[in-house]
Structures are given as C-alpha cells and as structure tokens.
Amino acid sequence: FSMYTMGWYRQAPGKQRELIAASTSSRRTNYANSVKGRFTISRDN
C-alpha cells in the first residue's frame, strides 16, 4: 500500500469519471478545484 498513489474519483450520471483527490506514496496531495477546501484525503499506511 505505501508504494501506491491512492486516488478518489467520482462519476456523475452522464459525465466522465474525474479525479477529485490523490495522495502519493510520499503523502503529497492534490485536489480538483471543485472540492478544494471542502474535501480532505488522508492515508494510514
């Protein structure tokens, strides 16, 4: 697990699946603009 980038995606009806948050193996995170400030990704290796 610790070697993997973990991401959360979502797919709304009629839309493409989109990345909303990711956490790399070095624990860097990034967020889609649509969820920034509201969603938080975290991991427990």
All heavy atoms as atom14 arrays in JSON, in Angstrom:
{
  "sequence": "FSMYTMGWYRQAPGKQRELIAASTSSRRTNYANSVKGRFTISRDN",
  "atom14_mask": [
    [1, 1, 1, 1, 1, 1, 1, 1, 1, 1, 1, 0, 0, 0],
    [1, 1, 1, 1, 1, 1, 0, 0, 0, 0, 0, 0, 0, 0],
    [1, 1, 1, 1, 1, 1, 1, 1, 0, 0, 0, 0, 0, 0],
    [1, 1, 1, 1, 1, 1, 1, 1, 1, 1, 1, 1, 0, 0],
    [1, 1, 1, 1, 1, 1, 1, 0, 0, 0, 0, 0, 0, 0],
    [1, 1, 1, 1, 1, 1, 1, 1, 0, 0, 0, 0, 0, 0],
    [1, 1, 1, 1, 0, 0, 0, 0, 0, 0, 0, 0, 0, 0],
    [1, 1, 1, 1, 1, 1, 1, 1, 1, 1, 1, 1, 1, 1],
    [1, 1, 1, 1, 1, 1, 1, 1, 1, 1, 1, 1, 0, 0],
    [1, 1, 1, 1, 1, 1, 1, 1, 1, 1, 1, 0, 0, 0],
    [1, 1, 1, 1, 1, 1, 1, 1, 1, 0, 0, 0, 0, 0],
    [1, 1, 1, 1, 1, 0, 0, 0, 0, 0, 0, 0, 0, 0],
    [1, 1, 1, 1, 1, 1, 1, 0, 0, 0, 0, 0, 0, 0],
    [1, 1, 1, 1, 0, 0, 0, 0, 0, 0, 0, 0, 0, 0],
    [1, 1, 1, 1, 1, 1, 1, 1, 1, 0, 0, 0, 0, 0],
    [1, 1, 1, 1, 1, 1, 1, 1, 1, 0, 0, 0, 0, 0],
    [1, 1, 1, 1, 1, 1, 1, 1, 1, 1, 1, 0, 0, 0],
    [1, 1, 1, 1, 1, 1, 1, 1, 1, 0, 0, 0, 0, 0],
    [1, 1, 1, 1, 1, 1, 1, 1, 0, 0, 0, 0, 0, 0],
    [1, 1, 1, 1, 1, 1, 1, 1, 0, 0, 0, 0, 0, 0],
    [1, 1, 1, 1, 1, 0, 0, 0, 0, 0, 0, 0, 0, 0],
    [1, 1, 1, 1, 1, 0, 0, 0, 0, 0, 0, 0, 0, 0],
    [1, 1, 1, 1, 1, 1, 0, 0, 0, 0, 0, 0, 0, 0],
    [1, 1, 1, 1, 1, 1, 1, 0, 0, 0, 0, 0, 0, 0],
    [1, 1, 1, 1, 1, 1, 0, 0, 0, 0, 0, 0, 0, 0],
    [1, 1, 1, 1, 1, 1, 0, 0, 0, 0, 0, 0, 0, 0],
    [1, 1, 1, 1, 1, 1, 1, 1, 1, 1, 1, 0, 0, 0],
    [1, 1, 1, 1, 1, 1, 1, 1, 1, 1, 1, 0, 0, 0],
    [1, 1, 1, 1, 1, 1, 1, 0, 0, 0, 0, 0, 0, 0],
    [1, 1, 1, 1, 1, 1, 1, 1, 0, 0, 0, 0, 0, 0],
    [1, 1, 1, 1, 1, 1, 1, 1, 1, 1, 1, 1, 0, 0],
    [1, 1, 1, 1, 1, 0, 0, 0, 0, 0, 0, 0, 0, 0],
    [1, 1, 1, 1, 1, 1, 1, 1, 0, 0, 0, 0, 0, 0],
    [1, 1, 1, 1, 1, 1, 0, 0, 0, 0, 0, 0, 0, 0],
    [1, 1, 1, 1, 1, 1, 1, 0, 0, 0, 0, 0, 0, 0],
    [1, 1, 1, 1, 1, 1, 1, 1, 1, 0, 0, 0, 0, 0],
    [1, 1, 1, 1, 0, 0, 0, 0, 0, 0, 0, 0, 0, 0],
    [1, 1, 1, 1, 1, 1, 1, 1, 1, 1, 1, 0, 0, 0],
    [1, 1, 1, 1, 1, 1, 1, 1, 1, 1, 1, 0, 0, 0],
    [1, 1, 1, 1, 1, 1, 1, 0, 0, 0, 0, 0, 0, 0],
    [1, 1, 1, 1, 1, 1, 1, 1, 0, 0, 0, 0, 0, 0],
    [1, 1, 1, 1, 1, 1, 0, 0, 0, 0, 0, 0, 0, 0],
    [1, 1, 1, 1, 1, 1, 1, 1, 1, 1, 1, 0, 0, 0],
    [1, 1, 1, 1, 1, 1, 1, 1, 0, 0, 0, 0, 0, 0],
    [1, 1, 1, 1, 1, 1, 1, 1, 0, 0, 0, 0, 0, 0]
  ],
  "atom14_positions": [
    [[0.81, -1.21, 0.0], [0.0, 0.0, 0.0], [0.84, 1.27, 0.0], [0.55, 2.22, -0.72], [-0.92, -0.03, 1.22], [-1.85, 1.13, 1.33], [-3.05, 1.15, 0.62], [-1.55, 2.2, 2.17], [-3.92, 2.23, 0.73], [-2.41, 3.28, 2.28], [-3.6, 3.29, 1.56], [0.0, 0.0, 0.0], [0.0, 0.0, 0.0], [0.0, 0.0, 0.0]],
    [[1.9, 1.28, 0.79], [2.68, 2.51, 0.96], [3.34, 2.96, -0.34], [3.73, 4.12, -0.46], [3.75, 2.29, 2.03], [4.63, 1.26, 1.65], [0.0, 0.0, 0.0], [0.0, 0.0, 0.0], [0.0, 0.0, 0.0], [0.0, 0.0, 0.0], [0.0, 0.0, 0.0], [0.0, 0.0, 0.0], [0.0, 0.0, 0.0], [0.0, 0.0, 0.0]],
    [[3.47, 2.09, -1.3], [4.12, 2.44, -2.55], [3.16, 3.03, -3.58], [3.59, 3.53, -4.62], [4.82, 1.21, -3.13], [5.88, 0.63, -2.22], [6.77, -0.76, -2.93], [7.78, 0.08, -4.11], [0.0, 0.0, 0.0], [0.0, 0.0, 0.0], [0.0, 0.0, 0.0], [0.0, 0.0, 0.0], [0.0, 0.0, 0.0], [0.0, 0.0, 0.0]],
    [[1.88, 2.93, -3.29], [0.87, 3.31, -4.26], [0.4, 4.74, -4.08], [0.23, 5.21, -2.95], [-0.33, 2.38, -4.17], [-0.14, 1.08, -4.91], [0.74, 0.11, -4.42], [-0.82, 0.83, -6.09], [0.93, -1.07, -5.11], [-0.63, -0.36, -6.78], [0.24, -1.3, -6.28], [0.44, -2.47, -6.97], [0.0, 0.0, 0.0], [0.0, 0.0, 0.0]],
    [[0.16, 5.4, -5.2], [-0.64, 6.61, -5.18], [-2.09, 6.2, -5.08], [-2.57, 5.36, -5.85], [-0.43, 7.43, -6.46], [0.89, 7.98, -6.46], [-1.42, 8.58, -6.54], [0.0, 0.0, 0.0], [0.0, 0.0, 0.0], [0.0, 0.0, 0.0], [0.0, 0.0, 0.0], [0.0, 0.0, 0.0], [0.0, 0.0, 0.0], [0.0, 0.0, 0.0]],
    [[-2.77, 6.77, -4.09], [-4.18, 6.46, -3.87], [-5.01, 7.66, -4.28], [-4.7, 8.8, -3.93], [-4.43, 6.12, -2.41], [-3.65, 4.92, -1.91], [-3.99, 3.42, -2.84], [-5.74, 3.18, -2.48], [0.0, 0.0, 0.0], [0.0, 0.0, 0.0], [0.0, 0.0, 0.0], [0.0, 0.0, 0.0], [0.0, 0.0, 0.0], [0.0, 0.0, 0.0]],
    [[-6.04, 7.38, -5.03], [-6.88, 8.48, -5.51], [-8.34, 8.2, -5.29], [-8.77, 7.05, -5.16], [0.0, 0.0, 0.0], [0.0, 0.0, 0.0], [0.0, 0.0, 0.0], [0.0, 0.0, 0.0], [0.0, 0.0, 0.0], [0.0, 0.0, 0.0], [0.0, 0.0, 0.0], [0.0, 0.0, 0.0], [0.0, 0.0, 0.0], [0.0, 0.0, 0.0]],
    [[-9.1, 9.27, -5.19], [-10.55, 9.2, -5.17], [-11.08, 9.84, -6.44], [-10.67, 10.96, -6.81], [-11.13, 9.91, -3.95], [-10.9, 9.17, -2.67], [-9.91, 9.38, -1.76], [-11.68, 8.09, -2.18], [-10.02, 8.49, -0.72], [-11.11, 7.68, -0.95], [-12.81, 7.41, -2.63], [-11.62, 6.64, -0.19], [-13.31, 6.37, -1.87], [-12.73, 6.0, -0.66]],
    [[-11.96, 9.14, -7.1], [-12.61, 9.6, -8.32], [-14.11, 9.6, -8.1], [-14.62, 8.94, -7.18], [-12.27, 8.66, -9.49], [-10.86, 8.74, -9.99], [-9.79, 8.27, -9.21], [-10.57, 9.26, -11.24], [-8.49, 8.34, -9.67], [-9.27, 9.33, -11.72], [-8.24, 8.87, -10.93], [-6.95, 8.93, -11.4], [0.0, 0.0, 0.0], [0.0, 0.0, 0.0]],
    [[-14.8, 10.3, -8.97], [-16.24, 10.22, -8.95], [-16.79, 10.3, -10.37], [-16.16, 10.85, -11.26], [-16.85, 11.31, -8.08], [-16.72, 12.73, -8.62], [-17.26, 13.73, -7.63], [-17.16, 15.11, -8.1], [-17.39, 16.16, -7.35], [-17.75, 16.01, -6.06], [-17.29, 17.38, -7.86], [0.0, 0.0, 0.0], [0.0, 0.0, 0.0], [0.0, 0.0, 0.0]],
    [[-17.96, 9.74, -10.52], [-18.63, 9.76, -11.81], [-20.1, 10.06, -11.59], [-20.82, 9.26, -10.98], [-18.46, 8.44, -12.56], [-18.98, 8.47, -13.98], [-18.51, 7.3, -14.8], [-18.07, 6.28, -14.28], [-18.57, 7.44, -16.11], [0.0, 0.0, 0.0], [0.0, 0.0, 0.0], [0.0, 0.0, 0.0], [0.0, 0.0, 0.0], [0.0, 0.0, 0.0]],
    [[-20.51, 11.21, -12.08], [-21.91, 11.6, -12.0], [-22.62, 11.08, -13.24], [-21.99, 10.82, -14.27], [-22.02, 13.12, -11.91], [0.0, 0.0, 0.0], [0.0, 0.0, 0.0], [0.0, 0.0, 0.0], [0.0, 0.0, 0.0], [0.0, 0.0, 0.0], [0.0, 0.0, 0.0], [0.0, 0.0, 0.0], [0.0, 0.0, 0.0], [0.0, 0.0, 0.0]],
    [[-23.94, 10.94, -13.17], [-24.69, 10.44, -14.32], [-24.44, 11.28, -15.56], [-24.52, 12.51, -15.52], [-26.15, 10.55, -13.86], [-26.07, 10.46, -12.37], [-24.8, 11.15, -12.0], [0.0, 0.0, 0.0], [0.0, 0.0, 0.0], [0.0, 0.0, 0.0], [0.0, 0.0, 0.0], [0.0, 0.0, 0.0], [0.0, 0.0, 0.0], [0.0, 0.0, 0.0]],
    [[-24.1, 10.61, -16.65], [-23.88, 11.29, -17.91], [-22.56, 12.01, -18.03], [-22.32, 12.71, -19.02], [0.0, 0.0, 0.0], [0.0, 0.0, 0.0], [0.0, 0.0, 0.0], [0.0, 0.0, 0.0], [0.0, 0.0, 0.0], [0.0, 0.0, 0.0], [0.0, 0.0, 0.0], [0.0, 0.0, 0.0], [0.0, 0.0, 0.0], [0.0, 0.0, 0.0]],
    [[-21.69, 11.85, -17.04], [-20.41, 12.55, -17.06], [-19.26, 11.55, -16.99], [-19.44, 10.4, -16.6], [-20.31, 13.54, -15.89], [-21.29, 14.69, -15.99], [-21.02, 15.72, -14.93], [-21.95, 16.92, -15.06], [-21.67, 17.96, -14.04], [0.0, 0.0, 0.0], [0.0, 0.0, 0.0], [0.0, 0.0, 0.0], [0.0, 0.0, 0.0], [0.0, 0.0, 0.0]],
    [[-18.09, 12.04, -17.35], [-16.9, 11.19, -17.27], [-16.43, 11.08, -15.83], [-16.67, 11.96, -15.0], [-15.79, 11.78, -18.13], [-16.02, 11.64, -19.63], [-14.8, 12.02, -20.43], [-14.04, 12.9, -20.03], [-14.6, 11.36, -21.54], [0.0, 0.0, 0.0], [0.0, 0.0, 0.0], [0.0, 0.0, 0.0], [0.0, 0.0, 0.0], [0.0, 0.0, 0.0]],
    [[-15.74, 9.99, -15.56], [-15.14, 9.83, -14.25], [-14.02, 10.86, -14.1], [-13.22, 11.05, -15.02], [-14.57, 8.42, -14.1], [-14.21, 8.03, -12.7], [-13.81, 6.57, -12.61], [-14.92, 5.69, -12.94], [-14.89, 4.36, -12.81], [-13.8, 3.79, -12.31], [-15.92, 3.63, -13.12], [0.0, 0.0, 0.0], [0.0, 0.0, 0.0], [0.0, 0.0, 0.0]],
    [[-13.98, 11.5, -12.94], [-12.99, 12.54, -12.73], [-12.23, 12.31, -11.42], [-12.79, 11.84, -10.44], [-13.67, 13.93, -12.68], [-14.67, 14.1, -11.56], [-15.17, 15.52, -11.41], [-14.56, 16.46, -11.95], [-16.2, 15.7, -10.71], [0.0, 0.0, 0.0], [0.0, 0.0, 0.0], [0.0, 0.0, 0.0], [0.0, 0.0, 0.0], [0.0, 0.0, 0.0]],
    [[-10.96, 12.7, -11.45], [-10.14, 12.65, -10.25], [-10.51, 13.82, -9.35], [-10.56, 14.97, -9.81], [-8.67, 12.74, -10.61], [-7.68, 12.88, -9.45], [-7.67, 11.62, -8.6], [-6.29, 13.2, -9.97], [0.0, 0.0, 0.0], [0.0, 0.0, 0.0], [0.0, 0.0, 0.0], [0.0, 0.0, 0.0], [0.0, 0.0, 0.0], [0.0, 0.0, 0.0]],
    [[-10.75, 13.53, -8.07], [-11.06, 14.63, -7.17], [-10.0, 14.81, -6.09], [-9.83, 15.91, -5.58], [-12.44, 14.48, -6.52], [-12.59, 13.12, -5.82], [-13.54, 14.65, -7.56], [-13.85, 13.03, -4.99], [0.0, 0.0, 0.0], [0.0, 0.0, 0.0], [0.0, 0.0, 0.0], [0.0, 0.0, 0.0], [0.0, 0.0, 0.0], [0.0, 0.0, 0.0]],
    [[-9.28, 13.76, -5.74], [-8.24, 13.89, -4.72], [-7.26, 12.73, -4.87], [-7.66, 11.63, -5.23], [-8.83, 13.9, -3.32], [0.0, 0.0, 0.0], [0.0, 0.0, 0.0], [0.0, 0.0, 0.0], [0.0, 0.0, 0.0], [0.0, 0.0, 0.0], [0.0, 0.0, 0.0], [0.0, 0.0, 0.0], [0.0, 0.0, 0.0], [0.0, 0.0, 0.0]],
    [[-5.99, 13.01, -4.58], [-4.98, 11.96, -4.66], [-3.94, 12.17, -3.58], [-3.66, 13.3, -3.16], [-4.33, 11.93, -6.03], [0.0, 0.0, 0.0], [0.0, 0.0, 0.0], [0.0, 0.0, 0.0], [0.0, 0.0, 0.0], [0.0, 0.0, 0.0], [0.0, 0.0, 0.0], [0.0, 0.0, 0.0], [0.0, 0.0, 0.0], [0.0, 0.0, 0.0]],
    [[-3.35, 11.06, -3.14], [-2.28, 11.07, -2.14], [-1.17, 10.16, -2.65], [-1.41, 8.97, -2.88], [-2.82, 10.56, -0.81], [-1.77, 10.36, 0.12], [0.0, 0.0, 0.0], [0.0, 0.0, 0.0], [0.0, 0.0, 0.0], [0.0, 0.0, 0.0], [0.0, 0.0, 0.0], [0.0, 0.0, 0.0], [0.0, 0.0, 0.0], [0.0, 0.0, 0.0]],
    [[0.0, 10.72, -2.84], [1.11, 9.93, -3.37], [1.77, 9.12, -2.26], [1.47, 9.28, -1.08], [2.16, 10.84, -4.03], [2.82, 11.58, -3.0], [1.53, 11.78, -5.04], [0.0, 0.0, 0.0], [0.0, 0.0, 0.0], [0.0, 0.0, 0.0], [0.0, 0.0, 0.0], [0.0, 0.0, 0.0], [0.0, 0.0, 0.0], [0.0, 0.0, 0.0]],
    [[2.72, 8.29, -2.66], [3.45, 7.49, -1.68], [4.24, 8.37, -0.72], [4.52, 7.97, 0.4], [4.38, 6.51, -2.39], [5.28, 7.2, -3.22], [0.0, 0.0, 0.0], [0.0, 0.0, 0.0], [0.0, 0.0, 0.0], [0.0, 0.0, 0.0], [0.0, 0.0, 0.0], [0.0, 0.0, 0.0], [0.0, 0.0, 0.0], [0.0, 0.0, 0.0]],
    [[4.6, 9.55, -1.16], [5.3, 10.49, -0.28], [4.33, 11.43, 0.43], [4.75, 12.43, 1.02], [6.32, 11.31, -1.08], [5.68, 12.02, -2.12], [0.0, 0.0, 0.0], [0.0, 0.0, 0.0], [0.0, 0.0, 0.0], [0.0, 0.0, 0.0], [0.0, 0.0, 0.0], [0.0, 0.0, 0.0], [0.0, 0.0, 0.0], [0.0, 0.0, 0.0]],
    [[3.04, 11.1, 0.32], [1.97, 11.82, 1.02], [1.7, 13.21, 0.47], [1.05, 14.03, 1.12], [2.21, 11.89, 2.53], [2.22, 10.52, 3.19], [2.43, 10.61, 4.69], [2.49, 9.31, 5.32], [1.45, 8.66, 5.82], [0.25, 9.2, 5.75], [1.59, 7.47, 6.35], [0.0, 0.0, 0.0], [0.0, 0.0, 0.0], [0.0, 0.0, 0.0]],
    [[2.18, 13.49, -0.72], [1.75, 14.73, -1.36], [0.31, 14.55, -1.79], [-0.1, 13.46, -2.21], [2.63, 15.07, -2.56], [3.96, 15.68, -2.16], [4.76, 16.1, -3.36], [5.16, 14.97, -4.17], [5.87, 15.06, -5.28], [6.22, 16.25, -5.73], [6.22, 13.99, -5.94], [0.0, 0.0, 0.0], [0.0, 0.0, 0.0], [0.0, 0.0, 0.0]],
    [[-0.46, 15.63, -1.69], [-1.87, 15.56, -2.04], [-2.2, 16.59, -3.11], [-1.53, 17.62, -3.23], [-2.77, 15.8, -0.82], [-2.48, 17.09, -0.27], [-2.55, 14.73, 0.24], [0.0, 0.0, 0.0], [0.0, 0.0, 0.0], [0.0, 0.0, 0.0], [0.0, 0.0, 0.0], [0.0, 0.0, 0.0], [0.0, 0.0, 0.0], [0.0, 0.0, 0.0]],
    [[-3.21, 16.27, -3.88], [-3.74, 17.26, -4.8], [-5.24, 17.05, -4.91], [-5.75, 15.96, -4.66], [-3.06, 17.21, -6.17], [-3.29, 15.91, -6.89], [-2.63, 14.93, -6.62], [-4.25, 15.92, -7.82], [0.0, 0.0, 0.0], [0.0, 0.0, 0.0], [0.0, 0.0, 0.0], [0.0, 0.0, 0.0], [0.0, 0.0, 0.0], [0.0, 0.0, 0.0]],
    [[-5.92, 18.13, -5.27], [-7.37, 18.14, -5.3], [-7.89, 18.81, -6.56], [-7.28, 19.74, -7.09], [-7.92, 18.92, -4.1], [-7.57, 18.32, -2.77], [-6.41, 18.7, -2.08], [-8.39, 17.36, -2.17], [-6.08, 18.15, -0.87], [-8.07, 16.8, -0.95], [-6.91, 17.19, -0.3], [-6.59, 16.64, 0.9], [0.0, 0.0, 0.0], [0.0, 0.0, 0.0]],
    [[-9.05, 18.36, -6.99], [-9.76, 19.07, -8.04], [-10.25, 20.41, -7.47], [-10.59, 20.5, -6.29], [-10.94, 18.25, -8.54], [0.0, 0.0, 0.0], [0.0, 0.0, 0.0], [0.0, 0.0, 0.0], [0.0, 0.0, 0.0], [0.0, 0.0, 0.0], [0.0, 0.0, 0.0], [0.0, 0.0, 0.0], [0.0, 0.0, 0.0], [0.0, 0.0, 0.0]],
    [[-10.3, 21.4, -8.33], [-10.75, 22.72, -7.87], [-12.15, 22.67, -7.28], [-12.47, 23.43, -6.36], [-10.72, 23.71, -9.04], [-9.31, 24.11, -9.41], [-8.39, 24.04, -8.59], [-9.11, 24.5, -10.65], [0.0, 0.0, 0.0], [0.0, 0.0, 0.0], [0.0, 0.0, 0.0], [0.0, 0.0, 0.0], [0.0, 0.0, 0.0], [0.0, 0.0, 0.0]],
    [[-12.96, 21.77, -7.79], [-14.36, 21.71, -7.36], [-14.51, 21.26, -5.91], [-15.56, 21.48, -5.3], [-15.15, 20.78, -8.28], [-14.58, 19.47, -8.27], [0.0, 0.0, 0.0], [0.0, 0.0, 0.0], [0.0, 0.0, 0.0], [0.0, 0.0, 0.0], [0.0, 0.0, 0.0], [0.0, 0.0, 0.0], [0.0, 0.0, 0.0], [0.0, 0.0, 0.0]],
    [[-13.48, 20.61, -5.35], [-13.59, 20.1, -3.99], [-12.56, 20.7, -3.05], [-12.59, 20.44, -1.84], [-13.47, 18.56, -3.94], [-14.48, 17.93, -4.9], [-12.06, 18.1, -4.26], [0.0, 0.0, 0.0], [0.0, 0.0, 0.0], [0.0, 0.0, 0.0], [0.0, 0.0, 0.0], [0.0, 0.0, 0.0], [0.0, 0.0, 0.0], [0.0, 0.0, 0.0]],
    [[-11.66, 21.5, -3.59], [-10.58, 22.07, -2.77], [-11.17, 22.9, -1.64], [-12.08, 23.71, -1.84], [-9.69, 22.93, -3.66], [-8.28, 23.13, -3.15], [-7.42, 23.81, -4.2], [-7.12, 22.9, -5.37], [-6.21, 23.52, -6.35], [0.0, 0.0, 0.0], [0.0, 0.0, 0.0], [0.0, 0.0, 0.0], [0.0, 0.0, 0.0], [0.0, 0.0, 0.0]],
    [[-10.67, 22.66, -0.44], [-11.16, 23.37, 0.73], [-12.34, 22.7, 1.4], [-12.7, 23.07, 2.53], [0.0, 0.0, 0.0], [0.0, 0.0, 0.0], [0.0, 0.0, 0.0], [0.0, 0.0, 0.0], [0.0, 0.0, 0.0], [0.0, 0.0, 0.0], [0.0, 0.0, 0.0], [0.0, 0.0, 0.0], [0.0, 0.0, 0.0], [0.0, 0.0, 0.0]],
    [[-12.95, 21.73, 0.73], [-14.09, 21.01, 1.33], [-13.76, 19.55, 1.62], [-14.26, 18.99, 2.58], [-15.3, 21.07, 0.4], [-15.79, 22.48, 0.11], [-17.1, 22.44, -0.68], [-16.96, 21.82, -1.99], [-17.71, 20.8, -2.41], [-18.62, 20.26, -1.62], [-17.52, 20.3, -3.63], [0.0, 0.0, 0.0], [0.0, 0.0, 0.0], [0.0, 0.0, 0.0]],
    [[-12.95, 18.95, 0.76], [-12.61, 17.53, 0.89], [-11.16, 17.39, 1.34], [-10.3, 18.19, 0.94], [-12.78, 16.81, -0.44], [-14.2, 16.67, -0.93], [-15.26, 17.34, -0.32], [-14.48, 15.86, -2.03], [-16.56, 17.21, -0.78], [-15.77, 15.71, -2.5], [-16.81, 16.39, -1.88], [0.0, 0.0, 0.0], [0.0, 0.0, 0.0], [0.0, 0.0, 0.0]],
    [[-10.89, 16.36, 2.11], [-9.54, 16.08, 2.56], [-9.23, 14.6, 2.4], [-9.98, 13.75, 2.9], [-9.35, 16.47, 4.03], [-9.66, 17.85, 4.22], [-7.9, 16.22, 4.47], [0.0, 0.0, 0.0], [0.0, 0.0, 0.0], [0.0, 0.0, 0.0], [0.0, 0.0, 0.0], [0.0, 0.0, 0.0], [0.0, 0.0, 0.0], [0.0, 0.0, 0.0]],
    [[-8.16, 14.31, 1.69], [-7.71, 12.93, 1.55], [-6.6, 12.68, 2.56], [-5.77, 13.55, 2.83], [-7.21, 12.65, 0.1], [-6.92, 11.16, -0.09], [-6.0, 13.51, -0.25], [-6.64, 10.76, -1.53], [0.0, 0.0, 0.0], [0.0, 0.0, 0.0], [0.0, 0.0, 0.0], [0.0, 0.0, 0.0], [0.0, 0.0, 0.0], [0.0, 0.0, 0.0]],
    [[-6.62, 11.48, 3.13], [-5.57, 11.09, 4.06], [-5.35, 9.59, 3.93], [-6.19, 8.88, 3.37], [-5.93, 11.46, 5.5], [-7.12, 10.82, 5.91], [0.0, 0.0, 0.0], [0.0, 0.0, 0.0], [0.0, 0.0, 0.0], [0.0, 0.0, 0.0], [0.0, 0.0, 0.0], [0.0, 0.0, 0.0], [0.0, 0.0, 0.0], [0.0, 0.0, 0.0]],
    [[-4.25, 9.12, 4.45], [-3.96, 7.7, 4.36], [-3.28, 7.22, 5.63], [-2.57, 7.99, 6.29], [-3.07, 7.41, 3.14], [-1.69, 8.04, 3.18], [-1.0, 7.95, 1.82], [-0.72, 6.58, 1.43], [-0.47, 6.2, 0.17], [-0.5, 7.1, -0.8], [-0.2, 4.94, -0.09], [0.0, 0.0, 0.0], [0.0, 0.0, 0.0], [0.0, 0.0, 0.0]],
    [[-3.54, 5.97, 5.93], [-2.91, 5.31, 7.07], [-2.23, 4.07, 6.51], [-2.87, 3.05, 6.26], [-3.95, 4.95, 8.13], [-3.34, 4.36, 9.39], [-2.21, 3.83, 9.31], [-3.98, 4.42, 10.44], [0.0, 0.0, 0.0], [0.0, 0.0, 0.0], [0.0, 0.0, 0.0], [0.0, 0.0, 0.0], [0.0, 0.0, 0.0], [0.0, 0.0, 0.0]],
    [[-0.93, 4.17, 6.29], [-0.22, 3.05, 5.68], [-0.19, 1.82, 6.57], [-0.09, 0.69, 6.08], [1.2, 3.47, 5.31], [1.24, 4.42, 4.12], [0.25, 4.58, 3.41], [2.38, 5.07, 3.91], [0.0, 0.0, 0.0], [0.0, 0.0, 0.0], [0.0, 0.0, 0.0], [0.0, 0.0, 0.0], [0.0, 0.0, 0.0], [0.0, 0.0, 0.0]]
  ]
}
